[in-house]
PDB file of N, CA and C in Angstrom:
ATOM      1  N   MET A   1       0.848  -1.184   0.000  1.00  0.00           N
ATOM      2  CA  MET A   1       0.000   0.000   0.000  1.00  0.00           C
ATOM      3  C   MET A   1       0.885   1.236   0.000  1.00  0.00           C
ATOM      4  N   LEU A   2       0.531   2.192  -0.828  1.00  0.00           N
ATOM      5  CA  LEU A   2       1.253   3.453  -0.883  1.00  0.00           C
ATOM      6  C   LEU A   2       0.286   4.580  -0.535  1.00  0.00           C
ATOM      7  N   ILE A   3       0.637   5.346   0.473  1.00  0.00           N
ATOM      8  CA  ILE A   3      -0.120   6.535   0.853  1.00  0.00           C
ATOM      9  C   ILE A   3       0.896   7.664   0.995  1.00  0.00           C
ATOM     10  N   LYS A   4       0.642   8.764   0.296  1.00  0.00           N
ATOM     11  CA  LYS A   4       1.526   9.924   0.387  1.00  0.00           C
ATOM     12  C   LYS A   4       0.728  11.114   0.906  1.00  0.00           C
ATOM     13  N   ASP A   5       1.341  11.857   1.794  1.00  0.00           N
ATOM     14  CA  ASP A   5       0.753  13.076   2.339  1.00  0.00           C
ATOM     15  C   ASP A   5       1.341  14.264   1.579  1.00  0.00           C
ATOM     16  N   ILE A   6       0.494  15.083   1.014  1.00  0.00           N
ATOM     17  CA  ILE A   6       0.985  16.215   0.231  1.00  0.00           C
ATOM     18  C   ILE A   6       1.891  17.126   1.054  1.00  0.00           C
ATOM     19  N   ALA A   7       1.681  17.174   2.363  1.00  0.00           N
ATOM     20  CA  ALA A   7       2.527  17.993   3.235  1.00  0.00           C
ATOM     21  C   ALA A   7       3.972  17.502   3.241  1.00  0.00           C
ATOM     22  N   ASP A   8       4.183  16.243   2.874  1.00  0.00           N
ATOM     23  CA  ASP A   8       5.528  15.667   2.860  1.00  0.00           C
ATOM     24  C   ASP A   8       6.193  15.733   1.480  1.00  0.00           C
ATOM     25  N   VAL A   9       5.482  16.252   0.479  1.00  0.00           N
ATOM     26  CA  VAL A   9       5.997  16.300  -0.889  1.00  0.00           C
ATOM     27  C   VAL A   9       6.595  17.682  -1.141  1.00  0.00           C
ATOM     28  N   LYS A  10       7.854  17.719  -1.543  1.00  0.00           N
ATOM     29  CA  LYS A  10       8.553  18.982  -1.765  1.00  0.00           C
ATOM     30  C   LYS A  10       7.988  19.714  -2.985  1.00  0.00           C
ATOM     31  N   GLU A  11       7.751  21.007  -2.819  1.00  0.00           N
ATOM     32  CA  GLU A  11       7.277  21.855  -3.908  1.00  0.00           C
ATOM     33  C   GLU A  11       8.475  22.359  -4.713  1.00  0.00           C
ATOM     34  N   PHE A  12       8.304  22.454  -6.044  1.00  0.00           N
ATOM     35  CA  PHE A  12       9.369  22.959  -6.896  1.00  0.00           C
ATOM     36  C   PHE A  12       8.767  23.779  -8.032  1.00  0.00           C
ATOM     37  N   ALA A  13       9.596  24.560  -8.694  1.00  0.00           N
ATOM     38  CA  ALA A  13       9.152  25.363  -9.837  1.00  0.00           C
ATOM     39  C   ALA A  13       9.084  24.463 -11.060  1.00  0.00           C
ATOM     40  N   ALA A  14       7.917  24.364 -11.663  1.00  0.00           N
ATOM     41  CA  ALA A  14       7.729  23.542 -12.857  1.00  0.00           C
ATOM     42  C   ALA A  14       8.153  24.329 -14.093  1.00  0.00           C
ATOM     43  N   GLY A  15       8.313  23.640 -15.206  1.00  0.00           N
ATOM     44  CA  GLY A  15       8.718  24.266 -16.458  1.00  0.00           C
ATOM     45  C   GLY A  15       7.742  25.308 -16.959  1.00  0.00           C
ATOM     46  N   ASP A  16       6.461  25.187 -16.559  1.00  0.00           N
ATOM     47  CA  ASP A  16       5.448  26.164 -16.995  1.00  0.00           C
ATOM     48  C   ASP A  16       5.333  27.341 -16.030  1.00  0.00           C
ATOM     49  N   ASP A  17       6.198  27.394 -15.017  1.00  0.00           N
ATOM     50  CA  ASP A  17       6.276  28.472 -14.032  1.00  0.00           C
ATOM     51  C   ASP A  17       5.248  28.351 -12.907  1.00  0.00           C
ATOM     52  N   SER A  18       4.568  27.219 -12.799  1.00  0.00           N
ATOM     53  CA  SER A  18       3.706  26.980 -11.632  1.00  0.00           C
ATOM     54  C   SER A  18       4.568  26.401 -10.519  1.00  0.00           C
ATOM     55  N   ARG A  19       4.008  26.335  -9.327  1.00  0.00           N
ATOM     56  CA  ARG A  19       4.648  25.641  -8.206  1.00  0.00           C
ATOM     57  C   ARG A  19       4.009  24.251  -8.170  1.00  0.00           C
ATOM     58  N   LEU A  20       4.805  23.194  -8.146  1.00  0.00           N
ATOM     59  CA  LEU A  20       4.299  21.838  -8.333  1.00  0.00           C
ATOM     60  C   LEU A  20       4.735  20.921  -7.201  1.00  0.00           C
ATOM     61  N   ARG A  21       3.843  20.018  -6.843  1.00  0.00           N
ATOM     62  CA  ARG A  21       4.150  18.916  -5.927  1.00  0.00           C
ATOM     63  C   ARG A  21       3.732  17.638  -6.639  1.00  0.00           C
ATOM     64  N   GLU A  22       4.691  16.793  -6.959  1.00  0.00           N
ATOM     65  CA  GLU A  22       4.395  15.547  -7.655  1.00  0.00           C
ATOM     66  C   GLU A  22       3.958  14.496  -6.635  1.00  0.00           C
ATOM     67  N   LEU A  23       2.683  14.120  -6.703  1.00  0.00           N
ATOM     68  CA  LEU A  23       2.130  13.168  -5.737  1.00  0.00           C
ATOM     69  C   LEU A  23       2.399  11.726  -6.126  1.00  0.00           C
ATOM     70  N   LEU A  24       2.141  11.377  -7.380  1.00  0.00           N
ATOM     71  CA  LEU A  24       2.337  10.001  -7.839  1.00  0.00           C
ATOM     72  C   LEU A  24       2.940   9.991  -9.229  1.00  0.00           C
ATOM     73  N   HIS A  25       3.984   9.200  -9.389  1.00  0.00           N
ATOM     74  CA  HIS A  25       4.572   8.993 -10.710  1.00  0.00           C
ATOM     75  C   HIS A  25       5.055   7.542 -10.768  1.00  0.00           C
ATOM     76  N   PRO A  26       4.634   6.794 -11.789  1.00  0.00           N
ATOM     77  CA  PRO A  26       4.998   5.378 -11.837  1.00  0.00           C
ATOM     78  C   PRO A  26       6.511   5.136 -11.840  1.00  0.00           C
ATOM     79  N   ASP A  27       7.288   6.027 -12.446  1.00  0.00           N
ATOM     80  CA  ASP A  27       8.738   5.835 -12.491  1.00  0.00           C
ATOM     81  C   ASP A  27       9.416   6.093 -11.154  1.00  0.00           C
ATOM     82  N   ARG A  28       8.836   6.923 -10.315  1.00  0.00           N
ATOM     83  CA  ARG A  28       9.480   7.295  -9.056  1.00  0.00           C
ATOM     84  C   ARG A  28       8.850   6.658  -7.824  1.00  0.00           C
ATOM     85  N   ASP A  29       7.623   6.176  -7.974  1.00  0.00           N
ATOM     86  CA  ASP A  29       6.928   5.625  -6.813  1.00  0.00           C
ATOM     87  C   ASP A  29       6.734   4.114  -6.873  1.00  0.00           C
ATOM     88  N   GLY A  30       7.190   3.476  -7.945  1.00  0.00           N
ATOM     89  CA  GLY A  30       7.083   2.026  -8.039  1.00  0.00           C
ATOM     90  C   GLY A  30       5.648   1.519  -8.045  1.00  0.00           C
ATOM     91  N   VAL A  31       4.763   2.286  -8.682  1.00  0.00           N
ATOM     92  CA  VAL A  31       3.358   1.882  -8.758  1.00  0.00           C
ATOM     93  C   VAL A  31       2.989   1.607 -10.217  1.00  0.00           C
ATOM     94  N   ALA A  32       2.070   0.691 -10.412  1.00  0.00           N
ATOM     95  CA  ALA A  32       1.653   0.303 -11.765  1.00  0.00           C
ATOM     96  C   ALA A  32       0.524   1.217 -12.224  1.00  0.00           C
ATOM     97  N   LEU A  33       0.898   2.429 -12.628  1.00  0.00           N
ATOM     98  CA  LEU A  33      -0.062   3.406 -13.134  1.00  0.00           C
ATOM     99  C   LEU A  33       0.377   3.839 -14.518  1.00  0.00           C
ATOM    100  N   SER A  34      -0.573   4.207 -15.360  1.00  0.00           N
ATOM    101  CA  SER A  34      -0.223   4.756 -16.668  1.00  0.00           C
ATOM    102  C   SER A  34      -0.136   6.276 -16.621  1.00  0.00           C
ATOM    103  N   TYR A  35      -0.611   6.889 -15.550  1.00  0.00           N
ATOM    104  CA  TYR A  35      -0.677   8.348 -15.433  1.00  0.00           C
ATOM    105  C   TYR A  35       0.183   8.842 -14.275  1.00  0.00           C
ATOM    106  N   SER A  36       0.398  10.148 -14.245  1.00  0.00           N
ATOM    107  CA  SER A  36       1.032  10.792 -13.098  1.00  0.00           C
ATOM    108  C   SER A  36       0.047  11.794 -12.511  1.00  0.00           C
ATOM    109  N   LEU A  37       0.242  12.121 -11.242  1.00  0.00           N
ATOM    110  CA  LEU A  37      -0.647  13.019 -10.513  1.00  0.00           C
ATOM    111  C   LEU A  37       0.197  14.035  -9.755  1.00  0.00           C
ATOM    112  N   ALA A  38      -0.108  15.311  -9.966  1.00  0.00           N
ATOM    113  CA  ALA A  38       0.604  16.377  -9.266  1.00  0.00           C
ATOM    114  C   ALA A  38      -0.388  17.445  -8.849  1.00  0.00           C
ATOM    115  N   GLN A  39       0.030  18.264  -7.890  1.00  0.00           N
ATOM    116  CA  GLN A  39      -0.761  19.423  -7.496  1.00  0.00           C
ATOM    117  C   GLN A  39       0.017  20.671  -7.887  1.00  0.00           C
ATOM    118  N   ALA A  40      -0.652  21.592  -8.585  1.00  0.00           N
ATOM    119  CA  ALA A  40      -0.027  22.840  -9.021  1.00  0.00           C
ATOM    120  C   ALA A  40      -0.638  24.012  -8.271  1.00  0.00           C
ATOM    121  N   ARG A  41       0.158  25.067  -8.159  1.00  0.00           N
ATOM    122  CA  ARG A  41      -0.277  26.289  -7.470  1.00  0.00           C
ATOM    123  C   ARG A  41       0.194  27.490  -8.290  1.00  0.00           C
ATOM    124  N   VAL A  42      -0.738  28.434  -8.528  1.00  0.00           N
ATOM    125  CA  VAL A  42      -0.416  29.683  -9.218  1.00  0.00           C
ATOM    126  C   VAL A  42      -0.898  30.807  -8.310  1.00  0.00           C
ATOM    127  N   THR A  43      -0.011  31.724  -7.991  1.00  0.00           N
ATOM    128  CA  THR A  43      -0.354  32.801  -7.069  1.00  0.00           C
ATOM    129  C   THR A  43      -1.195  33.868  -7.785  1.00  0.00           C
ATOM    130  N   PRO A  44      -1.899  34.708  -7.014  1.00  0.00           N
ATOM    131  CA  PRO A  44      -2.760  35.734  -7.616  1.00  0.00           C
ATOM    132  C   PRO A  44      -2.010  36.643  -8.589  1.00  0.00           C
ATOM    133  N   GLY A  45      -2.681  36.929  -9.721  1.00  0.00           N
ATOM    134  CA  GLY A  45      -2.109  37.807 -10.715  1.00  0.00           C
ATOM    135  C   GLY A  45      -1.085  37.164 -11.641  1.00  0.00           C
ATOM    136  N   ARG A  46      -0.783  35.894 -11.429  1.00  0.00           N
ATOM    137  CA  ARG A  46       0.215  35.198 -12.241  1.00  0.00           C
ATOM    138  C   ARG A  46      -0.465  34.193 -13.152  1.00  0.00           C
ATOM    139  N   SER A  47       0.300  33.676 -14.108  1.00  0.00           N
ATOM    140  CA  SER A  47      -0.200  32.621 -14.982  1.00  0.00           C
ATOM    141  C   SER A  47       0.932  31.651 -15.287  1.00  0.00           C
ATOM    142  N   THR A  48       0.559  30.470 -15.744  1.00  0.00           N
ATOM    143  CA  THR A  48       1.573  29.545 -16.218  1.00  0.00           C
ATOM    144  C   THR A  48       2.022  30.012 -17.600  1.00  0.00           C
ATOM    145  N   LEU A  49       3.145  29.507 -18.040  1.00  0.00           N
ATOM    146  CA  LEU A  49       3.631  29.821 -19.383  1.00  0.00           C
ATOM    147  C   LEU A  49       2.876  28.973 -20.401  1.00  0.00           C
ATOM    148  N   PRO A  50       2.582  29.526 -21.568  1.00  0.00           N
ATOM    149  CA  PRO A  50       1.968  28.702 -22.607  1.00  0.00           C
ATOM    150  C   PRO A  50       2.880  27.511 -22.928  1.00  0.00           C
ATOM    151  N   HIS A  51       2.284  26.337 -22.929  1.00  0.00           N
ATOM    152  CA  HIS A  51       3.055  25.117 -23.164  1.00  0.00           C
ATOM    153  C   HIS A  51       2.152  24.056 -23.759  1.00  0.00           C
ATOM    154  N   ARG A  52       2.758  22.985 -24.234  1.00  0.00           N
ATOM    155  CA  ARG A  52       1.987  21.854 -24.744  1.00  0.00           C
ATOM    156  C   ARG A  52       2.656  20.563 -24.299  1.00  0.00           C
ATOM    157  N   LEU A  53       1.828  19.545 -24.133  1.00  0.00           N
ATOM    158  CA  LEU A  53       2.288  18.198 -23.799  1.00  0.00           C
ATOM    159  C   LEU A  53       1.866  17.251 -24.910  1.00  0.00           C
ATOM    160  N   THR A  54       2.657  16.228 -25.144  1.00  0.00           N
ATOM    161  CA  THR A  54       2.239  15.209 -26.101  1.00  0.00           C
ATOM    162  C   THR A  54       1.232  14.251 -25.479  1.00  0.00           C
ATOM    163  N   SER A  55       1.072  14.302 -24.175  1.00  0.00           N
ATOM    164  CA  SER A  55       0.097  13.490 -23.445  1.00  0.00           C
ATOM    165  C   SER A  55      -1.202  14.258 -23.248  1.00  0.00           C
ATOM    166  N   SER A  56      -2.270  13.550 -22.939  1.00  0.00           N
ATOM    167  CA  SER A  56      -3.495  14.231 -22.521  1.00  0.00           C
ATOM    168  C   SER A  56      -3.348  14.609 -21.051  1.00  0.00           C
ATOM    169  N   GLU A  57      -4.114  15.616 -20.650  1.00  0.00           N
ATOM    170  CA  GLU A  57      -4.026  16.096 -19.272  1.00  0.00           C
ATOM    171  C   GLU A  57      -5.405  16.520 -18.800  1.00  0.00           C
ATOM    172  N   VAL A  58      -5.625  16.363 -17.514  1.00  0.00           N
ATOM    173  CA  VAL A  58      -6.844  16.853 -16.872  1.00  0.00           C
ATOM    174  C   VAL A  58      -6.410  17.730 -15.708  1.00  0.00           C
ATOM    175  N   TYR A  59      -6.994  18.921 -15.614  1.00  0.00           N
ATOM    176  CA  TYR A  59      -6.848  19.769 -14.429  1.00  0.00           C
ATOM    177  C   TYR A  59      -8.129  19.632 -13.624  1.00  0.00           C
ATOM    178  N   TYR A  60      -7.981  19.428 -12.320  1.00  0.00           N
ATOM    179  CA  TYR A  60      -9.129  19.494 -11.418  1.00  0.00           C
ATOM    180  C   TYR A  60      -8.874  20.661 -10.477  1.00  0.00           C
ATOM    181  N   ILE A  61      -9.700  21.695 -10.571  1.00  0.00           N
ATOM    182  CA  ILE A  61      -9.499  22.904  -9.780  1.00  0.00           C
ATOM    183  C   ILE A  61      -9.974  22.648  -8.342  1.00  0.00           C
ATOM    184  N   GLU A  62      -9.036  22.737  -7.408  1.00  0.00           N
ATOM    185  CA  GLU A  62      -9.345  22.518  -5.992  1.00  0.00           C
ATOM    186  C   GLU A  62      -9.714  23.812  -5.269  1.00  0.00           C
ATOM    187  N   GLU A  63      -8.979  24.885  -5.585  1.00  0.00           N
ATOM    188  CA  GLU A  63      -9.190  26.166  -4.905  1.00  0.00           C
ATOM    189  C   GLU A  63      -8.955  27.299  -5.885  1.00  0.00           C
ATOM    190  N   GLY A  64      -9.689  28.391  -5.703  1.00  0.00           N
ATOM    191  CA  GLY A  64      -9.446  29.601  -6.470  1.00  0.00           C
ATOM    192  C   GLY A  64     -10.250  29.671  -7.753  1.00  0.00           C
ATOM    193  N   GLU A  65      -9.887  30.679  -8.553  1.00  0.00           N
ATOM    194  CA  GLU A  65     -10.571  30.903  -9.826  1.00  0.00           C
ATOM    195  C   GLU A  65      -9.573  31.458 -10.826  1.00  0.00           C
ATOM    196  N   GLY A  66      -9.856  31.201 -12.096  1.00  0.00           N
ATOM    197  CA  GLY A  66      -8.927  31.665 -13.114  1.00  0.00           C
ATOM    198  C   GLY A  66      -9.537  31.621 -14.497  1.00  0.00           C
ATOM    199  N   LEU A  67      -8.666  31.764 -15.471  1.00  0.00           N
ATOM    200  CA  LEU A  67      -9.059  31.697 -16.873  1.00  0.00           C
ATOM    201  C   LEU A  67      -8.177  30.652 -17.536  1.00  0.00           C
ATOM    202  N   MET A  68      -8.809  29.607 -18.095  1.00  0.00           N
ATOM    203  CA  MET A  68      -8.102  28.516 -18.760  1.00  0.00           C
ATOM    204  C   MET A  68      -8.038  28.813 -20.244  1.00  0.00           C
ATOM    205  N   HIS A  69      -6.850  28.672 -20.812  1.00  0.00           N
ATOM    206  CA  HIS A  69      -6.626  28.870 -22.242  1.00  0.00           C
ATOM    207  C   HIS A  69      -6.206  27.531 -22.853  1.00  0.00           C
ATOM    208  N   ILE A  70      -6.930  27.074 -23.865  1.00  0.00           N
ATOM    209  CA  ILE A  70      -6.560  25.881 -24.621  1.00  0.00           C
ATOM    210  C   ILE A  70      -6.695  26.239 -26.095  1.00  0.00           C
ATOM    211  N   ASP A  71      -5.551  26.244 -26.785  1.00  0.00           N
ATOM    212  CA  ASP A  71      -5.500  26.696 -28.178  1.00  0.00           C
ATOM    213  C   ASP A  71      -6.182  28.055 -28.292  1.00  0.00           C
ATOM    214  N   ASP A  72      -7.250  28.184 -29.088  1.00  0.00           N
ATOM    215  CA  ASP A  72      -7.881  29.493 -29.261  1.00  0.00           C
ATOM    216  C   ASP A  72      -9.137  29.674 -28.410  1.00  0.00           C
ATOM    217  N   GLU A  73      -9.324  28.828 -27.394  1.00  0.00           N
ATOM    218  CA  GLU A  73     -10.484  28.946 -26.498  1.00  0.00           C
ATOM    219  C   GLU A  73     -10.044  29.427 -25.122  1.00  0.00           C
ATOM    220  N   ASP A  74     -10.859  30.275 -24.495  1.00  0.00           N
ATOM    221  CA  ASP A  74     -10.636  30.772 -23.131  1.00  0.00           C
ATOM    222  C   ASP A  74     -11.933  30.594 -22.355  1.00  0.00           C
ATOM    223  N   MET A  75     -11.839  29.996 -21.168  1.00  0.00           N
ATOM    224  CA  MET A  75     -13.023  29.789 -20.333  1.00  0.00           C
ATOM    225  C   MET A  75     -12.678  30.030 -18.870  1.00  0.00           C
ATOM    226  N   PRO A  76     -13.577  30.698 -18.119  1.00  0.00           N
ATOM    227  CA  PRO A  76     -13.371  30.848 -16.677  1.00  0.00           C
ATOM    228  C   PRO A  76     -13.462  29.489 -15.983  1.00  0.00           C
ATOM    229  N   VAL A  77     -12.641  29.314 -14.953  1.00  0.00           N
ATOM    230  CA  VAL A  77     -12.669  28.082 -14.156  1.00  0.00           C
ATOM    231  C   VAL A  77     -12.660  28.443 -12.680  1.00  0.00           C
ATOM    232  N   HIS A  78     -13.203  27.548 -11.874  1.00  0.00           N
ATOM    233  CA  HIS A  78     -13.190  27.742 -10.421  1.00  0.00           C
ATOM    234  C   HIS A  78     -13.217  26.378  -9.735  1.00  0.00           C
ATOM    235  N   ALA A  79     -13.116  26.389  -8.419  1.00  0.00           N
ATOM    236  CA  ALA A  79     -13.086  25.151  -7.634  1.00  0.00           C
ATOM    237  C   ALA A  79     -14.256  24.250  -8.020  1.00  0.00           C
ATOM    238  N   GLY A  80     -13.944  22.982  -8.243  1.00  0.00           N
ATOM    239  CA  GLY A  80     -14.938  22.005  -8.636  1.00  0.00           C
ATOM    240  C   GLY A  80     -14.949  21.700 -10.118  1.00  0.00           C
ATOM    241  N   HIS A  81     -14.281  22.513 -10.927  1.00  0.00           N
ATOM    242  CA  HIS A  81     -14.225  22.273 -12.367  1.00  0.00           C
ATOM    243  C   HIS A  81     -13.142  21.257 -12.722  1.00  0.00           C
ATOM    244  N   ALA A  82     -13.434  20.414 -13.705  1.00  0.00           N
ATOM    245  CA  ALA A  82     -12.446  19.526 -14.319  1.00  0.00           C
ATOM    246  C   ALA A  82     -12.281  19.983 -15.765  1.00  0.00           C
ATOM    247  N   VAL A  83     -11.048  20.117 -16.199  1.00  0.00           N
ATOM    248  CA  VAL A  83     -10.733  20.617 -17.536  1.00  0.00           C
ATOM    249  C   VAL A  83      -9.956  19.543 -18.288  1.00  0.00           C
ATOM    250  N   VAL A  84     -10.440  19.142 -19.458  1.00  0.00           N
ATOM    251  CA  VAL A  84      -9.742  18.166 -20.298  1.00  0.00           C
ATOM    252  C   VAL A  84      -8.887  18.916 -21.304  1.00  0.00           C
ATOM    253  N   ILE A  85      -7.604  18.579 -21.331  1.00  0.00           N
ATOM    254  CA  ILE A  85      -6.660  19.220 -22.244  1.00  0.00           C
ATOM    255  C   ILE A  85      -6.136  18.150 -23.197  1.00  0.00           C
ATOM    256  N   PRO A  86      -6.467  18.261 -24.479  1.00  0.00           N
ATOM    257  CA  PRO A  86      -6.041  17.231 -25.423  1.00  0.00           C
ATOM    258  C   PRO A  86      -4.531  17.273 -25.681  1.00  0.00           C
ATOM    259  N   PRO A  87      -3.961  16.159 -26.126  1.00  0.00           N
ATOM    260  CA  PRO A  87      -2.539  16.143 -26.462  1.00  0.00           C
ATOM    261  C   PRO A  87      -2.217  17.218 -27.498  1.00  0.00           C
ATOM    262  N   ASN A  88      -1.043  17.818 -27.349  1.00  0.00           N
ATOM    263  CA  ASN A  88      -0.490  18.816 -28.280  1.00  0.00           C
ATOM    264  C   ASN A  88      -1.231  20.149 -28.315  1.00  0.00           C
ATOM    265  N   ALA A  89      -2.187  20.364 -27.434  1.00  0.00           N
ATOM    266  CA  ALA A  89      -2.871  21.658 -27.366  1.00  0.00           C
ATOM    267  C   ALA A  89      -1.995  22.654 -26.604  1.00  0.00           C
ATOM    268  N   VAL A  90      -1.947  23.887 -27.088  1.00  0.00           N
ATOM    269  CA  VAL A  90      -1.242  24.943 -26.361  1.00  0.00           C
ATOM    270  C   VAL A  90      -2.157  25.379 -25.219  1.00  0.00           C
ATOM    271  N   GLN A  91      -1.620  25.353 -24.001  1.00  0.00           N
ATOM    272  CA  GLN A  91      -2.426  25.604 -22.818  1.00  0.00           C
ATOM    273  C   GLN A  91      -1.684  26.486 -21.825  1.00  0.00           C
ATOM    274  N   TRP A  92      -2.459  27.265 -21.092  1.00  0.00           N
ATOM    275  CA  TRP A  92      -1.961  27.975 -19.920  1.00  0.00           C
ATOM    276  C   TRP A  92      -3.164  28.406 -19.103  1.00  0.00           C
ATOM    277  N   ILE A  93      -2.901  28.701 -17.835  1.00  0.00           N
ATOM    278  CA  ILE A  93      -3.984  29.092 -16.941  1.00  0.00           C
ATOM    279  C   ILE A  93      -3.565  30.344 -16.177  1.00  0.00           C
ATOM    280  N   GLU A  94      -4.491  31.276 -16.055  1.00  0.00           N
ATOM    281  CA  GLU A  94      -4.258  32.532 -15.331  1.00  0.00           C
ATOM    282  C   GLU A  94      -5.005  32.491 -14.006  1.00  0.00           C
ATOM    283  N   ASN A  95      -4.373  32.971 -12.962  1.00  0.00           N
ATOM    284  CA  ASN A  95      -5.065  33.148 -11.687  1.00  0.00           C
ATOM    285  C   ASN A  95      -5.691  34.544 -11.709  1.00  0.00           C
ATOM    286  N   ARG A  96      -7.012  34.588 -11.732  1.00  0.00           N
ATOM    287  CA  ARG A  96      -7.726  35.867 -11.772  1.00  0.00           C
ATOM    288  C   ARG A  96      -8.369  36.198 -10.425  1.00  0.00           C
ATOM    289  N   GLY A  97      -8.065  35.390  -9.420  1.00  0.00           N
ATOM    290  CA  GLY A  97      -8.658  35.608  -8.109  1.00  0.00           C
ATOM    291  C   GLY A  97      -7.703  36.298  -7.155  1.00  0.00           C
ATOM    292  N   GLU A  98      -8.130  36.385  -5.901  1.00  0.00           N
ATOM    293  CA  GLU A  98      -7.324  37.027  -4.868  1.00  0.00           C
ATOM    294  C   GLU A  98      -6.612  36.025  -3.970  1.00  0.00           C
ATOM    295  N   ALA A  99      -6.842  34.733  -4.204  1.00  0.00           N
ATOM    296  CA  ALA A  99      -6.179  33.668  -3.449  1.00  0.00           C
ATOM    297  C   ALA A  99      -5.447  32.774  -4.444  1.00  0.00           C
ATOM    298  N   ASP A 100      -4.613  31.876  -3.926  1.00  0.00           N
ATOM    299  CA  ASP A 100      -3.909  30.943  -4.797  1.00  0.00           C
ATOM    300  C   ASP A 100      -4.901  30.113  -5.613  1.00  0.00           C
ATOM    301  N   LEU A 101      -4.535  29.829  -6.848  1.00  0.00           N
ATOM    302  CA  LEU A 101      -5.268  28.899  -7.705  1.00  0.00           C
ATOM    303  C   LEU A 101      -4.552  27.562  -7.562  1.00  0.00           C
ATOM    304  N   VAL A 102      -5.256  26.564  -7.044  1.00  0.00           N
ATOM    305  CA  VAL A 102      -4.667  25.262  -6.752  1.00  0.00           C
ATOM    306  C   VAL A 102      -5.430  24.207  -7.542  1.00  0.00           C
ATOM    307  N   PHE A 103      -4.699  23.346  -8.261  1.00  0.00           N
ATOM    308  CA  PHE A 103      -5.364  22.339  -9.075  1.00  0.00           C
ATOM    309  C   PHE A 103      -4.521  21.087  -9.190  1.00  0.00           C
ATOM    310  N   LEU A 104      -5.205  19.965  -9.360  1.00  0.00           N
ATOM    311  CA  LEU A 104      -4.545  18.695  -9.620  1.00  0.00           C
ATOM    312  C   LEU A 104      -4.298  18.568 -11.110  1.00  0.00           C
ATOM    313  N   CYS A 105      -3.177  17.954 -11.473  1.00  0.00           N
ATOM    314  CA  CYS A 105      -2.815  17.698 -12.864  1.00  0.00           C
ATOM    315  C   CYS A 105      -2.668  16.188 -13.035  1.00  0.00           C
ATOM    316  N   ILE A 106      -3.495  15.614 -13.865  1.00  0.00           N
ATOM    317  CA  ILE A 106      -3.417  14.189 -14.171  1.00  0.00           C
ATOM    318  C   ILE A 106      -2.939  14.085 -15.615  1.00  0.00           C
ATOM    319  N   VAL A 107      -1.786  13.466 -15.827  1.00  0.00           N
ATOM    320  CA  VAL A 107      -1.186  13.365 -17.154  1.00  0.00           C
ATOM    321  C   VAL A 107      -1.126  11.894 -17.546  1.00  0.00           C
ATOM    322  N   ASP A 108      -1.652  11.574 -18.735  1.00  0.00           N
ATOM    323  CA  ASP A 108      -1.701  10.188 -19.199  1.00  0.00           C
ATOM    324  C   ASP A 108      -1.329  10.118 -20.681  1.00  0.00           C
ATOM    325  N   PRO A 109      -0.258   9.396 -21.029  1.00  0.00           N
ATOM    326  CA  PRO A 109       0.636   8.660 -20.142  1.00  0.00           C
ATOM    327  C   PRO A 109       1.420   9.604 -19.230  1.00  0.00           C
ATOM    328  N   ALA A 110       2.004   9.026 -18.194  1.00  0.00           N
ATOM    329  CA  ALA A 110       2.674   9.781 -17.139  1.00  0.00           C
ATOM    330  C   ALA A 110       3.650  10.809 -17.701  1.00  0.00           C
ATOM    331  N   TRP A 111       3.693  11.970 -17.050  1.00  0.00           N
ATOM    332  CA  TRP A 111       4.520  13.092 -17.484  1.00  0.00           C
ATOM    333  C   TRP A 111       5.991  12.696 -17.559  1.00  0.00           C
ATOM    334  N   GLN A 112       6.627  13.157 -18.636  1.00  0.00           N
ATOM    335  CA  GLN A 112       8.082  13.014 -18.834  1.00  0.00           C
ATOM    336  C   GLN A 112       8.589  14.350 -19.363  1.00  0.00           C
ATOM    337  N   THR A 113       9.798  14.719 -19.022  1.00  0.00           N
ATOM    338  CA  THR A 113      10.388  15.993 -19.460  1.00  0.00           C
ATOM    339  C   THR A 113      10.272  16.204 -20.957  1.00  0.00           C
ATOM    340  N   GLU A 114      10.595  15.171 -21.730  1.00  0.00           N
ATOM    341  CA  GLU A 114      10.603  15.311 -23.188  1.00  0.00           C
ATOM    342  C   GLU A 114       9.216  15.479 -23.800  1.00  0.00           C
ATOM    343  N   GLN A 115       8.142  15.282 -23.018  1.00  0.00           N
ATOM    344  CA  GLN A 115       6.782  15.453 -23.512  1.00  0.00           C
ATOM    345  C   GLN A 115       6.330  16.906 -23.522  1.00  0.00           C
ATOM    346  N   GLU A 116       7.034  17.756 -22.764  1.00  0.00           N
ATOM    347  CA  GLU A 116       6.571  19.126 -22.560  1.00  0.00           C
ATOM    348  C   GLU A 116       7.410  20.127 -23.332  1.00  0.00           C
ATOM    349  N   GLU A 117       6.723  21.089 -23.961  1.00  0.00           N
ATOM    350  CA  GLU A 117       7.396  22.150 -24.685  1.00  0.00           C
ATOM    351  C   GLU A 117       6.766  23.480 -24.298  1.00  0.00           C
ATOM    352  N   VAL A 118       7.600  24.406 -23.799  1.00  0.00           N
ATOM    353  CA  VAL A 118       7.127  25.762 -23.535  1.00  0.00           C
ATOM    354  C   VAL A 118       7.078  26.484 -24.872  1.00  0.00           C
ATOM    355  N   VAL A 119       5.949  27.163 -25.138  1.00  0.00           N
ATOM    356  CA  VAL A 119       5.712  27.812 -26.419  1.00  0.00           C
ATOM    357  C   VAL A 119       6.019  29.293 -26.274  1.00  0.00           C
ATOM    358  N   GLU A 120       6.806  29.828 -27.166  1.00  0.00           N
ATOM    359  CA  GLU A 120       7.169  31.264 -27.137  1.00  0.00           C
ATOM    360  C   GLU A 120       6.013  32.096 -27.624  1.00  0.00           C
TER     361      GLU A 120
END
């Protein structure tokens, strides 16, 4: 059995400029999963950098509110929303609230460095 407490997971700066805590990754946690799971945080007034993944991704908004950008679409998001991001879509999220925007990132297949490209 594997149980991880997010309080014990070190936060780091992700390539898209969010603050990230990687909760589950099959390569690092020895679990038979096809996906990875992380929690991201964007502070008020900030946004992630436009980027794309070759994998599909789902954001589940836990706290806060923002504006989600996927290719040429923009939609407001808030706690309780799940956002499906197709492979190779240019994506970024803006924190438009007064508190941190916190969301889970589920990447399938599991996130790898070479899958992600920051878009200029």
